[in-house]
Amino acid sequence: MNWLKSHLTFNRGQRDGIVILIILNLLLISVIVFVDTNPESKLDLNSPELISIQAEIDSLELLQKKSAKTDAYSFNPNYIAEYKAYTLGLSVEEYEKLRSFREKEKWINSVSEFQQVTGVSDSLLEIISKRFRFPDWITNPRPKATFSNYNRDTELSYNEKTDLNLATLSQLQQVSGVGEVLSERIISYREKVGGFASDEQLYTVYGLKEEVIERIKNRFTVKTAQELITMNINEVSASDIATIPGIDFELAKQIWEFVRLREGVDDLTQLEKIEGLTPQKLRLIRLYLSTK
């Protein structure tokens, strides 16, 4: 028992150390018992509420990225919508001025005109105008054609008109409705007959519509006319009539029979009664036939 007693006898310092050790053990036990040392978070990342919030955040981020990308595109200032105007920094009053201007079927064709219409400040205009995009026909207008006056419907005076017998392919093609094919047909016909004797011979050219011929006649006319030998309609045969350009033998026979049945005509306007004889063909007949 003496050896046990010797092991249980402590001095003051040893007793204090033992008390301190006991206190530390108690504190450690308290930490282990009451403090959750689980490395996993108590926050449930799979909860419906958290998933919904994260989805909304992702949606807003995507929308912001798309908006930033869209805003980088250029646009026609004539088609600015109300929301677009807001994002650009236009005031309500400035947008209303633009909307009112467009409702009158008017168009803004330049940066300066946009400022005149809306009244935006110079600083804002400098920022947003860099993204303005106007149609190519405004930003890169085509040069006016040398013979642009041929496209107009107004008739020139006789002195201003070009001689139809001297007209070139390019000049004829400046008339609306006359392209490469029709201009070549006009020149080819002119060469075939040795030159035009009258503007009315244009009605003989295949494919030329009456309204196109009228536009040609507004800009061209025969000034160096070729002489035509006319025939007396009361004396010619059907074969003679068939030699007129644009008149086939069947129609020529109808004309000849019409004249014979009436024992002659004293006015070519009487031929209007013949079925199939158009006003254009009657104009041609007047060039080659007469009543005397």
C-alpha atoms as a PDB file:
ATOM      1  CA  MET A   1       0.000   0.000   0.000  1.00  0.00           C
ATOM      2  CA  ASN A   2       2.975   2.260   0.534  1.00  0.00           C
ATOM      3  CA  TRP A   3       3.791   2.186  -3.161  1.00  0.00           C
ATOM      4  CA  LEU A   4       0.169   3.178  -4.066  1.00  0.00           C
ATOM      5  CA  LYS A   5       0.176   5.936  -1.501  1.00  0.00           C
ATOM      6  CA  SER A   6       3.349   7.298  -2.982  1.00  0.00           C
ATOM      7  CA  HIS A   7       1.680   7.520  -6.422  1.00  0.00           C
ATOM      8  CA  LEU A   8      -1.392   9.333  -5.116  1.00  0.00           C
ATOM      9  CA  THR A   9       0.433  11.949  -3.139  1.00  0.00           C
ATOM     10  CA  PHE A  10       0.765  15.232  -5.140  1.00  0.00           C
ATOM     11  CA  ASN A  11       2.216  18.549  -4.308  1.00  0.00           C
ATOM     12  CA  ARG A  12       0.382  21.812  -4.949  1.00  0.00           C
ATOM     13  CA  GLY A  13       1.774  22.373  -8.421  1.00  0.00           C
ATOM     14  CA  GLN A  14       0.854  18.886  -9.526  1.00  0.00           C
ATOM     15  CA  ARG A  15      -2.656  19.285  -8.199  1.00  0.00           C
ATOM     16  CA  ASP A  16      -3.085  22.546 -10.168  1.00  0.00           C
ATOM     17  CA  GLY A  17      -1.860  20.851 -13.333  1.00  0.00           C
ATOM     18  CA  ILE A  18      -4.332  18.027 -12.865  1.00  0.00           C
ATOM     19  CA  VAL A  19      -7.212  20.496 -12.451  1.00  0.00           C
ATOM     20  CA  ILE A  20      -6.194  22.365 -15.590  1.00  0.00           C
ATOM     21  CA  LEU A  21      -5.971  19.107 -17.549  1.00  0.00           C
ATOM     22  CA  ILE A  22      -9.439  18.106 -16.385  1.00  0.00           C
ATOM     23  CA  ILE A  23     -10.852  21.470 -17.462  1.00  0.00           C
ATOM     24  CA  LEU A  24      -9.246  21.141 -20.909  1.00  0.00           C
ATOM     25  CA  ASN A  25     -10.683  17.655 -21.321  1.00  0.00           C
ATOM     26  CA  LEU A  26     -14.132  18.923 -20.406  1.00  0.00           C
ATOM     27  CA  LEU A  27     -13.844  21.732 -22.952  1.00  0.00           C
ATOM     28  CA  LEU A  28     -12.727  19.317 -25.646  1.00  0.00           C
ATOM     29  CA  ILE A  29     -15.621  16.990 -24.886  1.00  0.00           C
ATOM     30  CA  SER A  30     -18.043  19.956 -25.062  1.00  0.00           C
ATOM     31  CA  VAL A  31     -16.692  20.936 -28.474  1.00  0.00           C
ATOM     32  CA  ILE A  32     -17.071  17.402 -29.748  1.00  0.00           C
ATOM     33  CA  VAL A  33     -20.600  17.077 -28.401  1.00  0.00           C
ATOM     34  CA  PHE A  34     -22.101  20.458 -29.144  1.00  0.00           C
ATOM     35  CA  VAL A  35     -20.168  21.690 -32.214  1.00  0.00           C
ATOM     36  CA  ASP A  36     -21.028  20.059 -35.574  1.00  0.00           C
ATOM     37  CA  THR A  37     -17.730  19.151 -37.165  1.00  0.00           C
ATOM     38  CA  ASN A  38     -19.372  17.523 -40.224  1.00  0.00           C
ATOM     39  CA  PRO A  39     -17.471  18.876 -43.300  1.00  0.00           C
ATOM     40  CA  GLU A  40     -20.668  18.824 -45.322  1.00  0.00           C
ATOM     41  CA  SER A  41     -22.624  22.073 -45.346  1.00  0.00           C
ATOM     42  CA  LYS A  42     -25.965  22.185 -43.662  1.00  0.00           C
ATOM     43  CA  LEU A  43     -27.266  24.230 -46.658  1.00  0.00           C
ATOM     44  CA  ASP A  44     -29.344  22.019 -48.958  1.00  0.00           C
ATOM     45  CA  LEU A  45     -28.234  22.965 -52.492  1.00  0.00           C
ATOM     46  CA  ASN A  46     -30.933  20.774 -53.983  1.00  0.00           C
ATOM     47  CA  SER A  47     -33.846  22.493 -52.297  1.00  0.00           C
ATOM     48  CA  PRO A  48     -36.610  23.702 -54.715  1.00  0.00           C
ATOM     49  CA  GLU A  49     -36.304  27.288 -53.449  1.00  0.00           C
ATOM     50  CA  LEU A  50     -32.561  27.447 -54.108  1.00  0.00           C
ATOM     51  CA  ILE A  51     -32.906  25.817 -57.545  1.00  0.00           C
ATOM     52  CA  SER A  52     -35.601  28.355 -58.486  1.00  0.00           C
ATOM     53  CA  ILE A  53     -33.448  31.311 -57.378  1.00  0.00           C
ATOM     54  CA  GLN A  54     -30.415  29.999 -59.272  1.00  0.00           C
ATOM     55  CA  ALA A  55     -32.493  29.481 -62.428  1.00  0.00           C
ATOM     56  CA  GLU A  56     -33.727  33.061 -62.222  1.00  0.00           C
ATOM     57  CA  ILE A  57     -30.177  34.368 -61.777  1.00  0.00           C
ATOM     58  CA  ASP A  58     -28.981  32.341 -64.786  1.00  0.00           C
ATOM     59  CA  SER A  59     -31.896  33.658 -66.863  1.00  0.00           C
ATOM     60  CA  LEU A  60     -31.093  37.266 -65.980  1.00  0.00           C
ATOM     61  CA  GLU A  61     -27.420  36.776 -66.814  1.00  0.00           C
ATOM     62  CA  LEU A  62     -28.307  35.261 -70.203  1.00  0.00           C
ATOM     63  CA  LEU A  63     -30.737  38.088 -70.937  1.00  0.00           C
ATOM     64  CA  GLN A  64     -28.090  40.640 -70.052  1.00  0.00           C
ATOM     65  CA  LYS A  65     -25.568  38.982 -72.374  1.00  0.00           C
ATOM     66  CA  LYS A  66     -28.075  38.890 -75.234  1.00  0.00           C
ATOM     67  CA  SER A  67     -29.041  42.500 -74.636  1.00  0.00           C
ATOM     68  CA  ALA A  68     -25.414  43.605 -74.654  1.00  0.00           C
ATOM     69  CA  LYS A  69     -24.833  41.682 -77.875  1.00  0.00           C
ATOM     70  CA  THR A  70     -27.961  43.076 -79.548  1.00  0.00           C
ATOM     71  CA  ASP A  71     -27.149  46.627 -78.534  1.00  0.00           C
ATOM     72  CA  ALA A  72     -23.881  46.339 -80.412  1.00  0.00           C
ATOM     73  CA  TYR A  73     -25.737  45.947 -83.718  1.00  0.00           C
ATOM     74  CA  SER A  74     -26.350  48.912 -85.981  1.00  0.00           C
ATOM     75  CA  PHE A  75     -29.927  49.943 -86.725  1.00  0.00           C
ATOM     76  CA  ASN A  76     -32.037  52.235 -88.858  1.00  0.00           C
ATOM     77  CA  PRO A  77     -33.104  55.183 -86.659  1.00  0.00           C
ATOM     78  CA  ASN A  78     -36.411  55.368 -88.540  1.00  0.00           C
ATOM     79  CA  TYR A  79     -37.524  52.152 -86.813  1.00  0.00           C
ATOM     80  CA  ILE A  80     -36.657  52.864 -83.181  1.00  0.00           C
ATOM     81  CA  ALA A  81     -39.305  51.359 -80.891  1.00  0.00           C
ATOM     82  CA  GLU A  82     -40.273  52.855 -77.545  1.00  0.00           C
ATOM     83  CA  TYR A  83     -38.191  50.404 -75.488  1.00  0.00           C
ATOM     84  CA  LYS A  84     -35.218  50.853 -77.820  1.00  0.00           C
ATOM     85  CA  ALA A  85     -35.474  54.609 -77.415  1.00  0.00           C
ATOM     86  CA  TYR A  86     -35.431  54.152 -73.637  1.00  0.00           C
ATOM     87  CA  THR A  87     -32.304  51.987 -73.751  1.00  0.00           C
ATOM     88  CA  LEU A  88     -30.592  54.521 -76.017  1.00  0.00           C
ATOM     89  CA  GLY A  89     -31.245  57.295 -73.537  1.00  0.00           C
ATOM     90  CA  LEU A  90     -33.902  59.241 -75.440  1.00  0.00           C
ATOM     91  CA  SER A  91     -36.433  61.081 -73.353  1.00  0.00           C
ATOM     92  CA  VAL A  92     -40.166  60.518 -73.769  1.00  0.00           C
ATOM     93  CA  GLU A  93     -40.490  63.891 -75.494  1.00  0.00           C
ATOM     94  CA  GLU A  94     -37.685  63.125 -77.933  1.00  0.00           C
ATOM     95  CA  TYR A  95     -39.189  59.756 -78.806  1.00  0.00           C
ATOM     96  CA  GLU A  96     -42.649  61.271 -79.335  1.00  0.00           C
ATOM     97  CA  LYS A  97     -41.159  63.778 -81.788  1.00  0.00           C
ATOM     98  CA  LEU A  98     -39.602  60.914 -83.746  1.00  0.00           C
ATOM     99  CA  ARG A  99     -42.826  58.888 -83.722  1.00  0.00           C
ATOM    100  CA  SER A 100     -44.889  61.872 -84.854  1.00  0.00           C
ATOM    101  CA  PHE A 101     -42.450  62.542 -87.683  1.00  0.00           C
ATOM    102  CA  ARG A 102     -42.634  58.947 -88.933  1.00  0.00           C
ATOM    103  CA  GLU A 103     -46.436  58.836 -88.734  1.00  0.00           C
ATOM    104  CA  LYS A 104     -46.454  61.513 -91.424  1.00  0.00           C
ATOM    105  CA  GLU A 105     -44.725  59.011 -93.754  1.00  0.00           C
ATOM    106  CA  LYS A 106     -41.511  61.026 -93.570  1.00  0.00           C
ATOM    107  CA  TRP A 107     -38.029  59.547 -93.399  1.00  0.00           C
ATOM    108  CA  ILE A 108     -34.857  60.506 -91.558  1.00  0.00           C
ATOM    109  CA  ASN A 109     -31.943  60.230 -93.966  1.00  0.00           C
ATOM    110  CA  SER A 110     -28.988  61.594 -91.987  1.00  0.00           C
ATOM    111  CA  VAL A 111     -27.587  62.001 -88.475  1.00  0.00           C
ATOM    112  CA  SER A 112     -28.140  65.751 -88.550  1.00  0.00           C
ATOM    113  CA  GLU A 113     -31.754  65.271 -89.590  1.00  0.00           C
ATOM    114  CA  PHE A 114     -32.273  62.876 -86.673  1.00  0.00           C
ATOM    115  CA  GLN A 115     -31.135  65.601 -84.276  1.00  0.00           C
ATOM    116  CA  GLN A 116     -33.339  68.200 -85.960  1.00  0.00           C
ATOM    117  CA  VAL A 117     -36.394  65.977 -85.587  1.00  0.00           C
ATOM    118  CA  THR A 118     -35.820  64.682 -82.049  1.00  0.00           C
ATOM    119  CA  GLY A 119     -33.796  67.521 -80.515  1.00  0.00           C
ATOM    120  CA  VAL A 120     -31.323  65.140 -78.794  1.00  0.00           C
ATOM    121  CA  SER A 121     -28.187  66.641 -77.265  1.00  0.00           C
ATOM    122  CA  ASP A 122     -24.859  66.635 -79.089  1.00  0.00           C
ATOM    123  CA  SER A 123     -23.290  64.354 -76.476  1.00  0.00           C
ATOM    124  CA  LEU A 124     -26.000  61.694 -76.773  1.00  0.00           C
ATOM    125  CA  LEU A 125     -26.078  61.977 -80.554  1.00  0.00           C
ATOM    126  CA  GLU A 126     -22.336  61.384 -80.731  1.00  0.00           C
ATOM    127  CA  ILE A 127     -22.752  58.108 -78.837  1.00  0.00           C
ATOM    128  CA  ILE A 128     -25.801  56.611 -80.561  1.00  0.00           C
ATOM    129  CA  SER A 129     -25.181  57.901 -84.101  1.00  0.00           C
ATOM    130  CA  LYS A 130     -22.174  55.587 -84.424  1.00  0.00           C
ATOM    131  CA  ARG A 131     -24.649  52.724 -84.727  1.00  0.00           C
ATOM    132  CA  PHE A 132     -27.029  54.360 -87.203  1.00  0.00           C
ATOM    133  CA  ARG A 133     -27.416  52.480 -90.464  1.00  0.00           C
ATOM    134  CA  PHE A 134     -29.232  54.072 -93.393  1.00  0.00           C
ATOM    135  CA  PRO A 135     -30.221  52.254 -96.636  1.00  0.00           C
ATOM    136  CA  ASP A 136     -27.551  51.894 -99.320  1.00  0.00           C
ATOM    137  CA  TRP A 137     -29.454  54.119-101.721  1.00  0.00           C
ATOM    138  CA  ILE A 138     -28.989  56.950 -99.210  1.00  0.00           C
ATOM    139  CA  THR A 139     -25.426  56.282 -98.073  1.00  0.00           C
ATOM    140  CA  ASN A 140     -24.195  55.265-101.549  1.00  0.00           C
ATOM    141  CA  PRO A 141     -26.441  56.989-104.091  1.00  0.00           C
ATOM    142  CA  ARG A 142     -25.927  55.893-107.662  1.00  0.00           C
ATOM    143  CA  PRO A 143     -24.655  58.501-110.086  1.00  0.00           C
ATOM    144  CA  LYS A 144     -27.255  59.883-112.408  1.00  0.00           C
ATOM    145  CA  ALA A 145     -27.244  58.379-115.854  1.00  0.00           C
ATOM    146  CA  THR A 146     -25.994  60.491-118.710  1.00  0.00           C
ATOM    147  CA  PHE A 147     -29.317  60.142-120.474  1.00  0.00           C
ATOM    148  CA  SER A 148     -31.524  60.170-117.393  1.00  0.00           C
ATOM    149  CA  ASN A 149     -33.851  62.676-119.042  1.00  0.00           C
ATOM    150  CA  TYR A 150     -35.012  59.866-121.337  1.00  0.00           C
ATOM    151  CA  ASN A 151     -36.769  58.239-118.399  1.00  0.00           C
ATOM    152  CA  ARG A 152     -39.139  61.115-117.997  1.00  0.00           C
ATOM    153  CA  ASP A 153     -42.579  61.064-119.578  1.00  0.00           C
ATOM    154  CA  THR A 154     -42.578  64.723-120.555  1.00  0.00           C
ATOM    155  CA  GLU A 155     -42.120  65.303-124.252  1.00  0.00           C
ATOM    156  CA  LEU A 156     -39.146  67.293-125.486  1.00  0.00           C
ATOM    157  CA  SER A 157     -39.434  69.897-128.177  1.00  0.00           C
ATOM    158  CA  TYR A 158     -38.624  68.947-131.754  1.00  0.00           C
ATOM    159  CA  ASN A 159     -35.194  70.598-131.584  1.00  0.00           C
ATOM    160  CA  GLU A 160     -34.366  68.798-128.318  1.00  0.00           C
ATOM    161  CA  LYS A 161     -35.297  65.374-129.664  1.00  0.00           C
ATOM    162  CA  THR A 162     -32.684  63.006-131.074  1.00  0.00           C
ATOM    163  CA  ASP A 163     -33.033  61.858-134.666  1.00  0.00           C
ATOM    164  CA  LEU A 164     -34.454  58.336-134.525  1.00  0.00           C
ATOM    165  CA  ASN A 165     -32.307  57.404-137.520  1.00  0.00           C
ATOM    166  CA  LEU A 166     -29.157  58.404-135.622  1.00  0.00           C
ATOM    167  CA  ALA A 167     -30.029  57.032-132.175  1.00  0.00           C
ATOM    168  CA  THR A 168     -27.525  54.602-130.656  1.00  0.00           C
ATOM    169  CA  LEU A 169     -28.188  51.464-128.649  1.00  0.00           C
ATOM    170  CA  SER A 170     -27.146  53.113-125.390  1.00  0.00           C
ATOM    171  CA  GLN A 171     -29.377  56.136-126.007  1.00  0.00           C
ATOM    172  CA  LEU A 172     -32.411  53.982-126.763  1.00  0.00           C
ATOM    173  CA  GLN A 173     -31.777  51.863-123.681  1.00  0.00           C
ATOM    174  CA  GLN A 174     -32.161  54.940-121.483  1.00  0.00           C
ATOM    175  CA  VAL A 175     -35.890  54.905-122.253  1.00  0.00           C
ATOM    176  CA  SER A 176     -37.843  53.050-119.590  1.00  0.00           C
ATOM    177  CA  GLY A 177     -38.971  49.735-121.037  1.00  0.00           C
ATOM    178  CA  VAL A 178     -36.271  49.540-123.728  1.00  0.00           C
ATOM    179  CA  GLY A 179     -33.521  47.113-122.838  1.00  0.00           C
ATOM    180  CA  GLU A 180     -30.718  45.528-124.790  1.00  0.00           C
ATOM    181  CA  VAL A 181     -32.983  43.237-126.830  1.00  0.00           C
ATOM    182  CA  LEU A 182     -35.540  45.858-127.890  1.00  0.00           C
ATOM    183  CA  SER A 183     -32.920  48.479-128.686  1.00  0.00           C
ATOM    184  CA  GLU A 184     -31.180  45.972-130.977  1.00  0.00           C
ATOM    185  CA  ARG A 185     -34.508  45.189-132.675  1.00  0.00           C
ATOM    186  CA  ILE A 186     -35.119  48.889-133.334  1.00  0.00           C
ATOM    187  CA  ILE A 187     -31.675  49.343-134.868  1.00  0.00           C
ATOM    188  CA  SER A 188     -32.029  46.102-136.872  1.00  0.00           C
ATOM    189  CA  TYR A 189     -35.396  47.171-138.281  1.00  0.00           C
ATOM    190  CA  ARG A 190     -34.015  50.614-139.136  1.00  0.00           C
ATOM    191  CA  GLU A 191     -31.193  49.016-141.108  1.00  0.00           C
ATOM    192  CA  LYS A 192     -33.599  46.595-142.805  1.00  0.00           C
ATOM    193  CA  VAL A 193     -35.854  49.350-144.186  1.00  0.00           C
ATOM    194  CA  GLY A 194     -32.963  51.699-144.939  1.00  0.00           C
ATOM    195  CA  GLY A 195     -33.949  54.167-142.252  1.00  0.00           C
ATOM    196  CA  PHE A 196     -37.213  55.245-140.629  1.00  0.00           C
ATOM    197  CA  ALA A 197     -39.610  57.311-142.712  1.00  0.00           C
ATOM    198  CA  SER A 198     -41.937  57.982-139.772  1.00  0.00           C
ATOM    199  CA  ASP A 199     -42.138  57.510-136.038  1.00  0.00           C
ATOM    200  CA  GLU A 200     -45.153  55.268-136.662  1.00  0.00           C
ATOM    201  CA  GLN A 201     -42.881  52.544-138.006  1.00  0.00           C
ATOM    202  CA  LEU A 202     -41.909  51.807-134.411  1.00  0.00           C
ATOM    203  CA  TYR A 203     -45.219  49.944-134.159  1.00  0.00           C
ATOM    204  CA  THR A 204     -43.763  47.399-136.575  1.00  0.00           C
ATOM    205  CA  VAL A 205     -40.918  46.454-134.224  1.00  0.00           C
ATOM    206  CA  TYR A 206     -41.823  43.186-132.506  1.00  0.00           C
ATOM    207  CA  GLY A 207     -42.196  43.396-128.736  1.00  0.00           C
ATOM    208  CA  LEU A 208     -42.519  47.180-128.436  1.00  0.00           C
ATOM    209  CA  LYS A 209     -45.577  48.046-126.378  1.00  0.00           C
ATOM    210  CA  GLU A 210     -47.595  51.125-127.193  1.00  0.00           C
ATOM    211  CA  GLU A 211     -46.707  52.913-123.931  1.00  0.00           C
ATOM    212  CA  VAL A 212     -43.000  52.270-124.556  1.00  0.00           C
ATOM    213  CA  ILE A 213     -43.298  53.620-128.092  1.00  0.00           C
ATOM    214  CA  GLU A 214     -44.893  56.780-126.725  1.00  0.00           C
ATOM    215  CA  ARG A 215     -41.944  57.236-124.358  1.00  0.00           C
ATOM    216  CA  ILE A 216     -39.545  56.758-127.260  1.00  0.00           C
ATOM    217  CA  LYS A 217     -41.420  59.346-129.308  1.00  0.00           C
ATOM    218  CA  ASN A 218     -41.138  61.798-126.409  1.00  0.00           C
ATOM    219  CA  ARG A 219     -37.340  61.725-126.799  1.00  0.00           C
ATOM    220  CA  PHE A 220     -36.778  60.732-130.421  1.00  0.00           C
ATOM    221  CA  THR A 221     -38.282  61.563-133.775  1.00  0.00           C
ATOM    222  CA  VAL A 222     -37.440  61.021-137.415  1.00  0.00           C
ATOM    223  CA  LYS A 223     -35.607  64.102-138.691  1.00  0.00           C
ATOM    224  CA  THR A 224     -33.871  62.583-141.706  1.00  0.00           C
ATOM    225  CA  ALA A 225     -36.872  60.729-143.084  1.00  0.00           C
ATOM    226  CA  GLN A 226     -36.530  58.140-145.824  1.00  0.00           C
ATOM    227  CA  GLU A 227     -38.981  58.634-148.685  1.00  0.00           C
ATOM    228  CA  LEU A 228     -41.789  56.098-148.914  1.00  0.00           C
ATOM    229  CA  ILE A 229     -43.623  55.320-152.125  1.00  0.00           C
ATOM    230  CA  THR A 230     -47.338  55.105-151.348  1.00  0.00           C
ATOM    231  CA  MET A 231     -49.848  52.950-153.211  1.00  0.00           C
ATOM    232  CA  ASN A 232     -53.483  53.711-154.023  1.00  0.00           C
ATOM    233  CA  ILE A 233     -55.568  51.382-151.891  1.00  0.00           C
ATOM    234  CA  ASN A 234     -58.301  51.354-154.530  1.00  0.00           C
ATOM    235  CA  GLU A 235     -55.912  49.983-157.171  1.00  0.00           C
ATOM    236  CA  VAL A 236     -53.546  47.591-155.389  1.00  0.00           C
ATOM    237  CA  SER A 237     -53.877  43.832-155.003  1.00  0.00           C
ATOM    238  CA  ALA A 238     -53.887  41.812-151.807  1.00  0.00           C
ATOM    239  CA  SER A 239     -50.301  40.800-152.536  1.00  0.00           C
ATOM    240  CA  ASP A 240     -49.267  44.454-152.735  1.00  0.00           C
ATOM    241  CA  ILE A 241     -50.900  45.191-149.369  1.00  0.00           C
ATOM    242  CA  ALA A 242     -49.084  42.177-147.844  1.00  0.00           C
ATOM    243  CA  THR A 243     -45.730  43.863-148.581  1.00  0.00           C
ATOM    244  CA  ILE A 244     -46.466  46.421-145.848  1.00  0.00           C
ATOM    245  CA  PRO A 245     -44.353  45.561-142.761  1.00  0.00           C
ATOM    246  CA  GLY A 246     -46.507  44.022-140.054  1.00  0.00           C
ATOM    247  CA  ILE A 247     -49.402  43.109-142.393  1.00  0.00           C
ATOM    248  CA  ASP A 248     -49.701  39.401-143.188  1.00  0.00           C
ATOM    249  CA  PHE A 249     -51.402  38.074-146.303  1.00  0.00           C
ATOM    250  CA  GLU A 250     -54.584  37.043-144.476  1.00  0.00           C
ATOM    251  CA  LEU A 251     -55.179  40.591-143.214  1.00  0.00           C
ATOM    252  CA  ALA A 252     -54.130  42.004-146.577  1.00  0.00           C
ATOM    253  CA  LYS A 253     -56.796  39.849-148.256  1.00  0.00           C
ATOM    254  CA  GLN A 254     -59.435  41.112-145.795  1.00  0.00           C
ATOM    255  CA  ILE A 255     -58.503  44.720-146.602  1.00  0.00           C
ATOM    256  CA  TRP A 256     -58.589  44.084-150.366  1.00  0.00           C
ATOM    257  CA  GLU A 257     -61.995  42.370-150.159  1.00  0.00           C
ATOM    258  CA  PHE A 258     -63.352  45.188-147.956  1.00  0.00           C
ATOM    259  CA  VAL A 259     -62.323  47.780-150.584  1.00  0.00           C
ATOM    260  CA  ARG A 260     -63.623  45.741-153.507  1.00  0.00           C
ATOM    261  CA  LEU A 261     -67.045  45.185-151.886  1.00  0.00           C
ATOM    262  CA  ARG A 262     -67.431  48.948-151.465  1.00  0.00           C
ATOM    263  CA  GLU A 263     -66.036  49.633-154.919  1.00  0.00           C
ATOM    264  CA  GLY A 264     -63.333  51.711-153.339  1.00  0.00           C
ATOM    265  CA  VAL A 265     -62.927  53.896-150.250  1.00  0.00           C
ATOM    266  CA  ASP A 266     -62.374  57.614-150.050  1.00  0.00           C
ATOM    267  CA  ASP A 267     -61.045  57.674-146.459  1.00  0.00           C
ATOM    268  CA  LEU A 268     -58.704  55.182-144.800  1.00  0.00           C
ATOM    269  CA  THR A 269     -60.605  55.561-141.530  1.00  0.00           C
ATOM    270  CA  GLN A 270     -63.272  53.334-143.089  1.00  0.00           C
ATOM    271  CA  LEU A 271     -60.846  50.441-142.660  1.00  0.00           C
ATOM    272  CA  GLU A 272     -61.458  50.596-138.906  1.00  0.00           C
ATOM    273  CA  LYS A 273     -64.513  48.404-139.506  1.00  0.00           C
ATOM    274  CA  ILE A 274     -62.280  45.483-140.519  1.00  0.00           C
ATOM    275  CA  GLU A 275     -62.051  42.884-137.767  1.00  0.00           C
ATOM    276  CA  GLY A 276     -58.473  42.323-136.634  1.00  0.00           C
ATOM    277  CA  LEU A 277     -57.160  45.645-137.929  1.00  0.00           C
ATOM    278  CA  THR A 278     -55.708  47.335-134.838  1.00  0.00           C
ATOM    279  CA  PRO A 279     -55.088  51.097-134.551  1.00  0.00           C
ATOM    280  CA  GLN A 280     -51.367  50.392-134.704  1.00  0.00           C
ATOM    281  CA  LYS A 281     -51.638  48.519-137.989  1.00  0.00           C
ATOM    282  CA  LEU A 282     -53.882  51.209-139.408  1.00  0.00           C
ATOM    283  CA  ARG A 283     -51.153  53.734-138.633  1.00  0.00           C
ATOM    284  CA  LEU A 284     -48.734  51.656-140.687  1.00  0.00           C
ATOM    285  CA  ILE A 285     -51.171  51.344-143.555  1.00  0.00           C
ATOM    286  CA  ARG A 286     -51.464  55.128-143.698  1.00  0.00           C
ATOM    287  CA  LEU A 287     -47.692  55.273-144.387  1.00  0.00           C
ATOM    288  CA  TYR A 288     -47.891  52.993-147.424  1.00  0.00           C
ATOM    289  CA  LEU A 289     -51.444  53.412-148.744  1.00  0.00           C
ATOM    290  CA  SER A 290     -53.535  56.381-149.789  1.00  0.00           C
ATOM    291  CA  THR A 291     -56.888  56.960-151.457  1.00  0.00           C
ATOM    292  CA  LYS A 292     -55.411  58.828-154.389  1.00  0.00           C
END
